Amino acid sequence: MKGVKWMLVCLFLAILIVGCTQLTAEQIAEKMQEKYNSIKDMKGTMVVTTNFGKKQTQTINFEMKKPNKWKSENERMLTISNGKTMWIYDKQKNEVIKLRLPEIKQPEFDYGKIVKDMLEKYDLKLVGEEKVSNRDCYVIELKPKGKDYFINQKLWVDKDYCIL
């Protein structure tokens, strides 16, 4: 009888510990925001898949240095900004467009803004865990809160770095 009681106590403690250590999607997003606030620069690769009747995948390499310097590149475009000027190079046309940022309404790439928008405009749900490029990731599903946002999204967040 003592063995059964001991097993039940151990099982209860294991469930309690697992339940307490399981993060919610909102907690993961908050950790992402904390991580972003602590870094000065970053670079990476985003793989964006859209499905509007036809599935398309785009790979974007990016680099950023706070507060407002950034570079992004895909197979068609290279975009660079020093915070005051933005250069867009169209590889197919072999053309460069130079724009002064205060004159245009185009937002700069800001990972922190992406996370903030995610928390404000979407309902988040942790739907599982997967490996991506041999990295353990949380899988988070985003559903729009209002009618202004209509795109459901799924994000993979690196568990160790708390970055998309």
N, C-alpha and C. Protein backbone atom coordinates (compact mmCIF):
# COMPACT_ATOMS: atom_id res chain seq x y z
N MET A 1 0.82 -1.19 0.00
CA MET A 1 0.00 0.00 0.00
C MET A 1 0.86 1.26 0.00
N LYS A 2 2.00 1.19 0.77
CA LYS A 2 2.89 2.35 0.80
C LYS A 2 3.44 2.63 -0.60
N GLY A 3 3.73 1.59 -1.36
CA GLY A 3 4.27 1.75 -2.71
C GLY A 3 3.29 2.45 -3.64
N VAL A 4 2.00 2.13 -3.51
CA VAL A 4 0.97 2.76 -4.35
C VAL A 4 0.84 4.23 -3.98
N LYS A 5 0.83 4.56 -2.68
CA LYS A 5 0.75 5.95 -2.25
C LYS A 5 1.96 6.74 -2.76
N TRP A 6 3.13 6.13 -2.64
CA TRP A 6 4.37 6.79 -3.09
C TRP A 6 4.31 7.06 -4.59
N MET A 7 3.83 6.10 -5.36
CA MET A 7 3.71 6.28 -6.80
C MET A 7 2.71 7.38 -7.12
N LEU A 8 1.60 7.46 -6.41
CA LEU A 8 0.60 8.50 -6.64
C LEU A 8 1.17 9.88 -6.30
N VAL A 9 1.92 9.99 -5.21
CA VAL A 9 2.55 11.26 -4.85
C VAL A 9 3.54 11.67 -5.94
N CYS A 10 4.36 10.74 -6.40
CA CYS A 10 5.34 11.03 -7.47
C CYS A 10 4.64 11.45 -8.75
N LEU A 11 3.56 10.76 -9.10
CA LEU A 11 2.81 11.08 -10.31
C LEU A 11 2.20 12.48 -10.20
N PHE A 12 1.62 12.81 -9.04
CA PHE A 12 1.05 14.13 -8.82
C PHE A 12 2.12 15.22 -8.94
N LEU A 13 3.28 15.01 -8.33
CA LEU A 13 4.38 15.98 -8.41
C LEU A 13 4.87 16.14 -9.84
N ALA A 14 4.98 15.05 -10.56
CA ALA A 14 5.43 15.12 -11.96
C ALA A 14 4.44 15.93 -12.80
N ILE A 15 3.15 15.70 -12.61
CA ILE A 15 2.13 16.46 -13.35
C ILE A 15 2.19 17.93 -12.98
N LEU A 16 2.35 18.21 -11.70
CA LEU A 16 2.44 19.59 -11.23
C LEU A 16 3.66 20.29 -11.83
N ILE A 17 4.81 19.62 -11.82
CA ILE A 17 6.03 20.22 -12.36
C ILE A 17 5.90 20.45 -13.85
N VAL A 18 5.41 19.46 -14.59
CA VAL A 18 5.25 19.62 -16.03
C VAL A 18 4.26 20.73 -16.33
N GLY A 19 3.15 20.78 -15.59
CA GLY A 19 2.15 21.82 -15.80
C GLY A 19 2.71 23.21 -15.53
N CYS A 20 3.58 23.34 -14.55
CA CYS A 20 4.14 24.64 -14.21
C CYS A 20 5.23 25.08 -15.19
N THR A 21 5.88 24.14 -15.82
CA THR A 21 6.97 24.52 -16.73
C THR A 21 6.50 24.70 -18.17
N GLN A 22 5.29 24.31 -18.49
CA GLN A 22 4.77 24.48 -19.85
C GLN A 22 4.45 25.95 -20.08
N LEU A 23 5.08 26.54 -21.07
CA LEU A 23 4.86 27.94 -21.39
C LEU A 23 3.63 28.10 -22.27
N THR A 24 2.98 29.23 -22.13
CA THR A 24 1.89 29.55 -23.04
C THR A 24 2.47 30.28 -24.25
N ALA A 25 1.69 30.41 -25.29
CA ALA A 25 2.14 31.13 -26.49
C ALA A 25 2.44 32.59 -26.14
N GLU A 26 1.63 33.19 -25.28
CA GLU A 26 1.86 34.58 -24.88
C GLU A 26 3.17 34.73 -24.12
N GLN A 27 3.48 33.76 -23.24
CA GLN A 27 4.74 33.81 -22.51
C GLN A 27 5.93 33.67 -23.45
N ILE A 28 5.80 32.83 -24.46
CA ILE A 28 6.87 32.67 -25.46
C ILE A 28 7.05 33.98 -26.21
N ALA A 29 5.95 34.61 -26.61
CA ALA A 29 6.04 35.90 -27.33
C ALA A 29 6.68 36.97 -26.45
N GLU A 30 6.35 36.96 -25.15
CA GLU A 30 6.97 37.92 -24.23
C GLU A 30 8.47 37.67 -24.12
N LYS A 31 8.88 36.41 -24.10
CA LYS A 31 10.32 36.08 -24.08
C LYS A 31 10.99 36.56 -25.37
N MET A 32 10.26 36.45 -26.50
CA MET A 32 10.80 36.94 -27.77
C MET A 32 11.03 38.45 -27.69
N GLN A 33 10.07 39.18 -27.10
CA GLN A 33 10.20 40.63 -26.96
C GLN A 33 11.37 40.98 -26.04
N GLU A 34 11.51 40.26 -24.93
CA GLU A 34 12.64 40.48 -24.01
C GLU A 34 13.96 40.24 -24.74
N LYS A 35 14.02 39.17 -25.51
CA LYS A 35 15.25 38.86 -26.24
C LYS A 35 15.57 39.98 -27.23
N TYR A 36 14.57 40.44 -27.96
CA TYR A 36 14.78 41.52 -28.92
C TYR A 36 15.29 42.78 -28.20
N ASN A 37 14.72 43.10 -27.06
CA ASN A 37 15.15 44.30 -26.32
C ASN A 37 16.59 44.19 -25.85
N SER A 38 17.10 42.97 -25.67
CA SER A 38 18.46 42.79 -25.14
C SER A 38 19.54 42.75 -26.22
N ILE A 39 19.17 42.66 -27.49
CA ILE A 39 20.19 42.54 -28.54
C ILE A 39 20.44 43.87 -29.23
N LYS A 40 21.63 44.00 -29.82
CA LYS A 40 22.00 45.20 -30.56
C LYS A 40 21.96 44.98 -32.06
N ASP A 41 22.20 43.73 -32.47
CA ASP A 41 22.14 43.41 -33.90
C ASP A 41 21.79 41.95 -34.05
N MET A 42 21.36 41.60 -35.25
CA MET A 42 21.03 40.20 -35.53
C MET A 42 20.98 39.97 -37.03
N LYS A 43 21.11 38.73 -37.41
CA LYS A 43 20.94 38.36 -38.81
C LYS A 43 20.35 36.97 -38.85
N GLY A 44 19.72 36.67 -39.97
CA GLY A 44 19.08 35.37 -40.09
C GLY A 44 18.44 35.19 -41.44
N THR A 45 17.69 34.12 -41.53
CA THR A 45 16.97 33.78 -42.75
C THR A 45 15.52 33.51 -42.39
N MET A 46 14.62 34.15 -43.11
CA MET A 46 13.19 33.90 -42.94
C MET A 46 12.71 33.12 -44.16
N VAL A 47 11.92 32.12 -43.92
CA VAL A 47 11.27 31.39 -45.00
C VAL A 47 9.78 31.67 -44.85
N VAL A 48 9.21 32.35 -45.85
CA VAL A 48 7.82 32.75 -45.81
C VAL A 48 7.06 31.97 -46.87
N THR A 49 6.03 31.25 -46.43
CA THR A 49 5.20 30.49 -47.36
C THR A 49 3.80 31.09 -47.33
N THR A 50 3.29 31.45 -48.50
CA THR A 50 1.94 31.98 -48.61
C THR A 50 1.12 31.03 -49.47
N ASN A 51 -0.18 31.06 -49.26
CA ASN A 51 -1.06 30.21 -50.04
C ASN A 51 -2.33 31.00 -50.34
N PHE A 52 -2.30 31.72 -51.44
CA PHE A 52 -3.47 32.46 -51.92
C PHE A 52 -3.91 31.81 -53.23
N GLY A 53 -4.38 30.58 -53.13
CA GLY A 53 -4.75 29.83 -54.33
C GLY A 53 -3.55 29.09 -54.91
N LYS A 54 -2.38 29.67 -54.74
CA LYS A 54 -1.14 29.05 -55.21
C LYS A 54 -0.10 29.18 -54.10
N LYS A 55 0.49 28.06 -53.72
CA LYS A 55 1.47 28.08 -52.65
C LYS A 55 2.80 28.61 -53.17
N GLN A 56 3.34 29.62 -52.48
CA GLN A 56 4.63 30.20 -52.85
C GLN A 56 5.51 30.30 -51.61
N THR A 57 6.78 29.98 -51.78
CA THR A 57 7.74 30.07 -50.69
C THR A 57 8.84 31.03 -51.10
N GLN A 58 9.18 31.92 -50.18
CA GLN A 58 10.21 32.91 -50.44
C GLN A 58 11.21 32.87 -49.29
N THR A 59 12.50 32.90 -49.61
CA THR A 59 13.55 32.93 -48.59
C THR A 59 14.14 34.33 -48.57
N ILE A 60 14.19 34.91 -47.38
CA ILE A 60 14.70 36.27 -47.21
C ILE A 60 15.83 36.24 -46.18
N ASN A 61 17.02 36.66 -46.60
CA ASN A 61 18.14 36.82 -45.68
C ASN A 61 18.11 38.25 -45.18
N PHE A 62 18.31 38.43 -43.88
CA PHE A 62 18.24 39.79 -43.34
C PHE A 62 19.34 40.01 -42.30
N GLU A 63 19.69 41.26 -42.14
CA GLU A 63 20.60 41.70 -41.09
C GLU A 63 20.06 43.03 -40.57
N MET A 64 20.21 43.26 -39.28
CA MET A 64 19.78 44.54 -38.72
C MET A 64 20.72 44.94 -37.59
N LYS A 65 20.86 46.23 -37.43
CA LYS A 65 21.63 46.79 -36.33
C LYS A 65 20.80 47.93 -35.77
N LYS A 66 20.51 47.85 -34.49
CA LYS A 66 19.69 48.87 -33.86
C LYS A 66 20.43 50.20 -33.87
N PRO A 67 19.76 51.34 -34.02
CA PRO A 67 18.31 51.43 -33.99
C PRO A 67 17.64 51.28 -35.35
N ASN A 68 18.31 51.56 -36.47
CA ASN A 68 17.55 51.60 -37.72
C ASN A 68 18.34 51.23 -38.97
N LYS A 69 19.41 50.46 -38.83
CA LYS A 69 20.15 50.01 -40.02
C LYS A 69 19.75 48.58 -40.32
N TRP A 70 19.50 48.31 -41.60
CA TRP A 70 19.09 46.97 -41.96
C TRP A 70 19.36 46.66 -43.43
N LYS A 71 19.34 45.36 -43.70
CA LYS A 71 19.55 44.85 -45.06
C LYS A 71 18.68 43.60 -45.19
N SER A 72 18.01 43.48 -46.33
CA SER A 72 17.26 42.26 -46.61
C SER A 72 17.48 41.90 -48.07
N GLU A 73 17.49 40.59 -48.33
CA GLU A 73 17.75 40.14 -49.69
C GLU A 73 17.00 38.84 -49.96
N ASN A 74 16.36 38.80 -51.13
CA ASN A 74 15.77 37.57 -51.63
C ASN A 74 16.28 37.37 -53.05
N GLU A 75 15.71 36.43 -53.76
CA GLU A 75 16.21 36.14 -55.11
C GLU A 75 15.99 37.29 -56.09
N ARG A 76 15.08 38.19 -55.78
CA ARG A 76 14.75 39.28 -56.72
C ARG A 76 15.27 40.65 -56.30
N MET A 77 15.30 40.92 -54.98
CA MET A 77 15.60 42.27 -54.49
C MET A 77 16.67 42.25 -53.39
N LEU A 78 17.41 43.35 -53.35
CA LEU A 78 18.33 43.64 -52.25
C LEU A 78 17.95 45.02 -51.74
N THR A 79 17.66 45.13 -50.44
CA THR A 79 17.27 46.40 -49.84
C THR A 79 18.21 46.70 -48.68
N ILE A 80 18.73 47.93 -48.67
CA ILE A 80 19.66 48.35 -47.62
C ILE A 80 19.22 49.72 -47.12
N SER A 81 19.32 49.93 -45.81
CA SER A 81 18.98 51.23 -45.24
C SER A 81 19.96 51.59 -44.13
N ASN A 82 20.33 52.87 -44.10
CA ASN A 82 21.15 53.38 -43.00
C ASN A 82 20.31 54.19 -42.03
N GLY A 83 19.00 54.10 -42.15
CA GLY A 83 18.10 54.82 -41.27
C GLY A 83 17.57 56.11 -41.87
N LYS A 84 18.33 56.68 -42.80
CA LYS A 84 17.90 57.93 -43.44
C LYS A 84 17.63 57.72 -44.93
N THR A 85 18.38 56.80 -45.52
CA THR A 85 18.23 56.51 -46.95
C THR A 85 18.06 55.02 -47.13
N MET A 86 17.23 54.65 -48.11
CA MET A 86 17.03 53.25 -48.43
C MET A 86 17.36 53.04 -49.91
N TRP A 87 18.14 52.00 -50.19
CA TRP A 87 18.47 51.63 -51.55
C TRP A 87 17.80 50.29 -51.84
N ILE A 88 17.09 50.23 -52.96
CA ILE A 88 16.44 49.00 -53.40
C ILE A 88 17.02 48.62 -54.75
N TYR A 89 17.66 47.46 -54.79
CA TYR A 89 18.25 46.98 -56.03
C TYR A 89 17.39 45.86 -56.59
N ASP A 90 16.83 46.07 -57.76
CA ASP A 90 16.04 45.07 -58.47
C ASP A 90 17.02 44.26 -59.33
N LYS A 91 17.27 43.02 -58.94
CA LYS A 91 18.26 42.19 -59.62
C LYS A 91 17.85 41.86 -61.05
N GLN A 92 16.57 41.65 -61.28
CA GLN A 92 16.10 41.29 -62.61
C GLN A 92 16.22 42.44 -63.60
N LYS A 93 15.92 43.64 -63.14
CA LYS A 93 15.99 44.83 -64.01
C LYS A 93 17.36 45.50 -63.98
N ASN A 94 18.21 45.09 -63.02
CA ASN A 94 19.51 45.70 -62.82
C ASN A 94 19.37 47.21 -62.59
N GLU A 95 18.42 47.56 -61.70
CA GLU A 95 18.14 48.97 -61.38
C GLU A 95 18.20 49.20 -59.88
N VAL A 96 18.62 50.40 -59.51
CA VAL A 96 18.65 50.80 -58.11
C VAL A 96 17.73 52.00 -57.92
N ILE A 97 16.93 51.94 -56.87
CA ILE A 97 16.09 53.07 -56.48
C ILE A 97 16.63 53.56 -55.14
N LYS A 98 16.83 54.86 -55.03
CA LYS A 98 17.31 55.47 -53.79
C LYS A 98 16.19 56.34 -53.23
N LEU A 99 15.83 56.10 -51.97
CA LEU A 99 14.74 56.83 -51.34
C LEU A 99 15.19 57.41 -50.01
N ARG A 100 14.77 58.63 -49.75
CA ARG A 100 14.97 59.22 -48.42
C ARG A 100 13.83 58.73 -47.54
N LEU A 101 14.13 58.14 -46.44
CA LEU A 101 13.09 57.52 -45.61
C LEU A 101 12.04 58.49 -45.07
N PRO A 102 12.38 59.72 -44.66
CA PRO A 102 11.31 60.59 -44.16
C PRO A 102 10.26 60.92 -45.22
N GLU A 103 10.59 60.77 -46.49
CA GLU A 103 9.67 61.13 -47.57
C GLU A 103 8.70 60.01 -47.93
N ILE A 104 8.94 58.82 -47.42
CA ILE A 104 8.06 57.70 -47.78
C ILE A 104 7.41 57.15 -46.54
N LYS A 105 6.36 56.40 -46.73
CA LYS A 105 5.62 55.83 -45.61
C LYS A 105 5.89 54.33 -45.49
N GLN A 106 7.01 53.87 -45.99
CA GLN A 106 7.33 52.45 -45.95
C GLN A 106 8.01 52.11 -44.62
N PRO A 107 7.46 51.14 -43.87
CA PRO A 107 8.06 50.80 -42.58
C PRO A 107 9.38 50.07 -42.77
N GLU A 108 10.29 50.28 -41.84
CA GLU A 108 11.54 49.55 -41.86
C GLU A 108 11.32 48.18 -41.24
N PHE A 109 12.24 47.27 -41.50
CA PHE A 109 12.17 45.96 -40.88
C PHE A 109 12.50 46.12 -39.41
N ASP A 110 11.59 45.76 -38.54
CA ASP A 110 11.81 45.87 -37.10
C ASP A 110 11.22 44.64 -36.43
N TYR A 111 12.09 43.74 -36.02
CA TYR A 111 11.67 42.50 -35.39
C TYR A 111 10.82 42.78 -34.15
N GLY A 112 11.21 43.80 -33.38
CA GLY A 112 10.46 44.16 -32.18
C GLY A 112 9.03 44.55 -32.50
N LYS A 113 8.84 45.27 -33.60
CA LYS A 113 7.50 45.68 -34.02
C LYS A 113 6.69 44.46 -34.45
N ILE A 114 7.35 43.52 -35.10
CA ILE A 114 6.67 42.29 -35.52
C ILE A 114 6.11 41.56 -34.29
N VAL A 115 6.93 41.43 -33.26
CA VAL A 115 6.49 40.73 -32.05
C VAL A 115 5.39 41.52 -31.34
N LYS A 116 5.54 42.85 -31.24
CA LYS A 116 4.54 43.69 -30.60
C LYS A 116 3.20 43.59 -31.33
N ASP A 117 3.23 43.67 -32.66
CA ASP A 117 2.01 43.52 -33.46
C ASP A 117 1.38 42.15 -33.26
N MET A 118 2.23 41.13 -33.17
CA MET A 118 1.74 39.78 -32.98
C MET A 118 0.94 39.69 -31.67
N LEU A 119 1.45 40.29 -30.61
CA LEU A 119 0.76 40.24 -29.32
C LEU A 119 -0.52 41.06 -29.33
N GLU A 120 -0.52 42.19 -30.02
CA GLU A 120 -1.68 43.08 -30.02
C GLU A 120 -2.78 42.64 -30.98
N LYS A 121 -2.42 42.08 -32.12
CA LYS A 121 -3.39 41.89 -33.20
C LYS A 121 -3.83 40.45 -33.42
N TYR A 122 -3.19 39.50 -32.72
CA TYR A 122 -3.50 38.10 -32.95
C TYR A 122 -3.74 37.37 -31.64
N ASP A 123 -4.59 36.35 -31.70
CA ASP A 123 -4.72 35.40 -30.60
C ASP A 123 -3.67 34.34 -30.85
N LEU A 124 -2.88 34.04 -29.82
CA LEU A 124 -1.78 33.10 -29.96
C LEU A 124 -2.14 31.78 -29.30
N LYS A 125 -1.68 30.69 -29.92
CA LYS A 125 -1.91 29.37 -29.36
C LYS A 125 -0.68 28.51 -29.62
N LEU A 126 -0.15 27.93 -28.56
CA LEU A 126 0.96 26.98 -28.70
C LEU A 126 0.37 25.68 -29.19
N VAL A 127 0.77 25.25 -30.41
CA VAL A 127 0.17 24.04 -30.99
C VAL A 127 1.11 22.85 -30.99
N GLY A 128 2.36 23.06 -30.56
CA GLY A 128 3.26 21.93 -30.50
C GLY A 128 4.72 22.34 -30.52
N GLU A 129 5.56 21.35 -30.76
CA GLU A 129 6.99 21.55 -30.86
C GLU A 129 7.51 20.75 -32.04
N GLU A 130 8.49 21.31 -32.76
CA GLU A 130 9.08 20.62 -33.91
C GLU A 130 10.56 20.99 -33.98
N LYS A 131 11.28 20.19 -34.74
CA LYS A 131 12.68 20.51 -35.02
C LYS A 131 12.75 21.19 -36.38
N VAL A 132 13.53 22.29 -36.45
CA VAL A 132 13.79 22.98 -37.70
C VAL A 132 15.30 23.19 -37.76
N SER A 133 15.93 22.69 -38.81
CA SER A 133 17.38 22.78 -38.95
C SER A 133 18.09 22.28 -37.69
N ASN A 134 17.63 21.15 -37.18
CA ASN A 134 18.18 20.52 -35.98
C ASN A 134 18.06 21.38 -34.72
N ARG A 135 17.14 22.34 -34.71
CA ARG A 135 16.89 23.19 -33.54
C ARG A 135 15.49 22.88 -33.01
N ASP A 136 15.37 22.79 -31.69
CA ASP A 136 14.06 22.58 -31.08
C ASP A 136 13.29 23.89 -31.12
N CYS A 137 12.06 23.83 -31.62
CA CYS A 137 11.24 25.03 -31.79
C CYS A 137 9.85 24.83 -31.21
N TYR A 138 9.28 25.93 -30.69
CA TYR A 138 7.87 25.97 -30.37
C TYR A 138 7.13 26.29 -31.67
N VAL A 139 5.95 25.73 -31.84
CA VAL A 139 5.11 26.06 -32.99
C VAL A 139 3.90 26.84 -32.44
N ILE A 140 3.76 28.08 -32.92
CA ILE A 140 2.69 28.95 -32.45
C ILE A 140 1.77 29.29 -33.61
N GLU A 141 0.48 29.18 -33.36
CA GLU A 141 -0.53 29.52 -34.35
C GLU A 141 -1.08 30.90 -34.01
N LEU A 142 -1.20 31.75 -35.01
CA LEU A 142 -1.73 33.10 -34.83
C LEU A 142 -3.04 33.21 -35.60
N LYS A 143 -4.07 33.66 -34.91
CA LYS A 143 -5.36 33.92 -35.56
C LYS A 143 -5.71 35.38 -35.31
N PRO A 144 -6.12 36.09 -36.36
CA PRO A 144 -6.42 37.52 -36.21
C PRO A 144 -7.52 37.78 -35.19
N LYS A 145 -7.34 38.85 -34.39
CA LYS A 145 -8.35 39.23 -33.40
C LYS A 145 -9.51 39.99 -34.04
N GLY A 146 -9.21 40.79 -35.06
CA GLY A 146 -10.26 41.63 -35.66
C GLY A 146 -10.40 41.40 -37.14
N LYS A 147 -11.31 42.15 -37.74
CA LYS A 147 -11.59 42.01 -39.16
C LYS A 147 -10.50 42.63 -40.03
N ASP A 148 -9.69 43.53 -39.45
CA ASP A 148 -8.64 44.20 -40.23
C ASP A 148 -7.52 43.25 -40.62
N TYR A 149 -7.38 42.16 -39.90
CA TYR A 149 -6.31 41.21 -40.15
C TYR A 149 -6.95 39.87 -40.49
N PHE A 150 -6.61 39.34 -41.65
CA PHE A 150 -7.32 38.15 -42.12
C PHE A 150 -6.41 36.96 -42.37
N ILE A 151 -5.14 37.09 -42.05
CA ILE A 151 -4.21 36.02 -42.38
C ILE A 151 -3.88 35.20 -41.13
N ASN A 152 -4.20 33.92 -41.16
CA ASN A 152 -3.76 33.01 -40.11
C ASN A 152 -2.30 32.70 -40.37
N GLN A 153 -1.54 32.59 -39.29
CA GLN A 153 -0.11 32.34 -39.45
C GLN A 153 0.34 31.24 -38.51
N LYS A 154 1.46 30.62 -38.87
CA LYS A 154 2.09 29.64 -38.00
C LYS A 154 3.56 30.03 -37.93
N LEU A 155 4.09 30.11 -36.70
CA LEU A 155 5.47 30.52 -36.49
C LEU A 155 6.23 29.44 -35.75
N TRP A 156 7.51 29.30 -36.09
CA TRP A 156 8.40 28.40 -35.40
C TRP A 156 9.40 29.26 -34.64
N VAL A 157 9.44 29.11 -33.32
CA VAL A 157 10.29 29.93 -32.45
C VAL A 157 11.35 29.05 -31.81
N ASP A 158 12.61 29.40 -32.03
CA ASP A 158 13.73 28.64 -31.46
C ASP A 158 13.62 28.65 -29.93
N LYS A 159 13.63 27.48 -29.32
CA LYS A 159 13.47 27.39 -27.86
C LYS A 159 14.62 28.03 -27.10
N ASP A 160 15.84 27.87 -27.59
CA ASP A 160 17.00 28.40 -26.88
C ASP A 160 17.14 29.91 -27.02
N TYR A 161 16.87 30.42 -28.22
CA TYR A 161 17.10 31.85 -28.49
C TYR A 161 15.83 32.69 -28.45
N CYS A 162 14.68 32.05 -28.42
CA CYS A 162 13.39 32.76 -28.43
C CYS A 162 13.30 33.73 -29.59
N ILE A 163 13.72 33.28 -30.75
CA ILE A 163 13.67 34.09 -31.97
C ILE A 163 13.01 33.26 -33.06
N LEU A 164 12.23 33.92 -33.91
CA LEU A 164 11.57 33.24 -35.05
C LEU A 164 12.60 32.58 -35.92
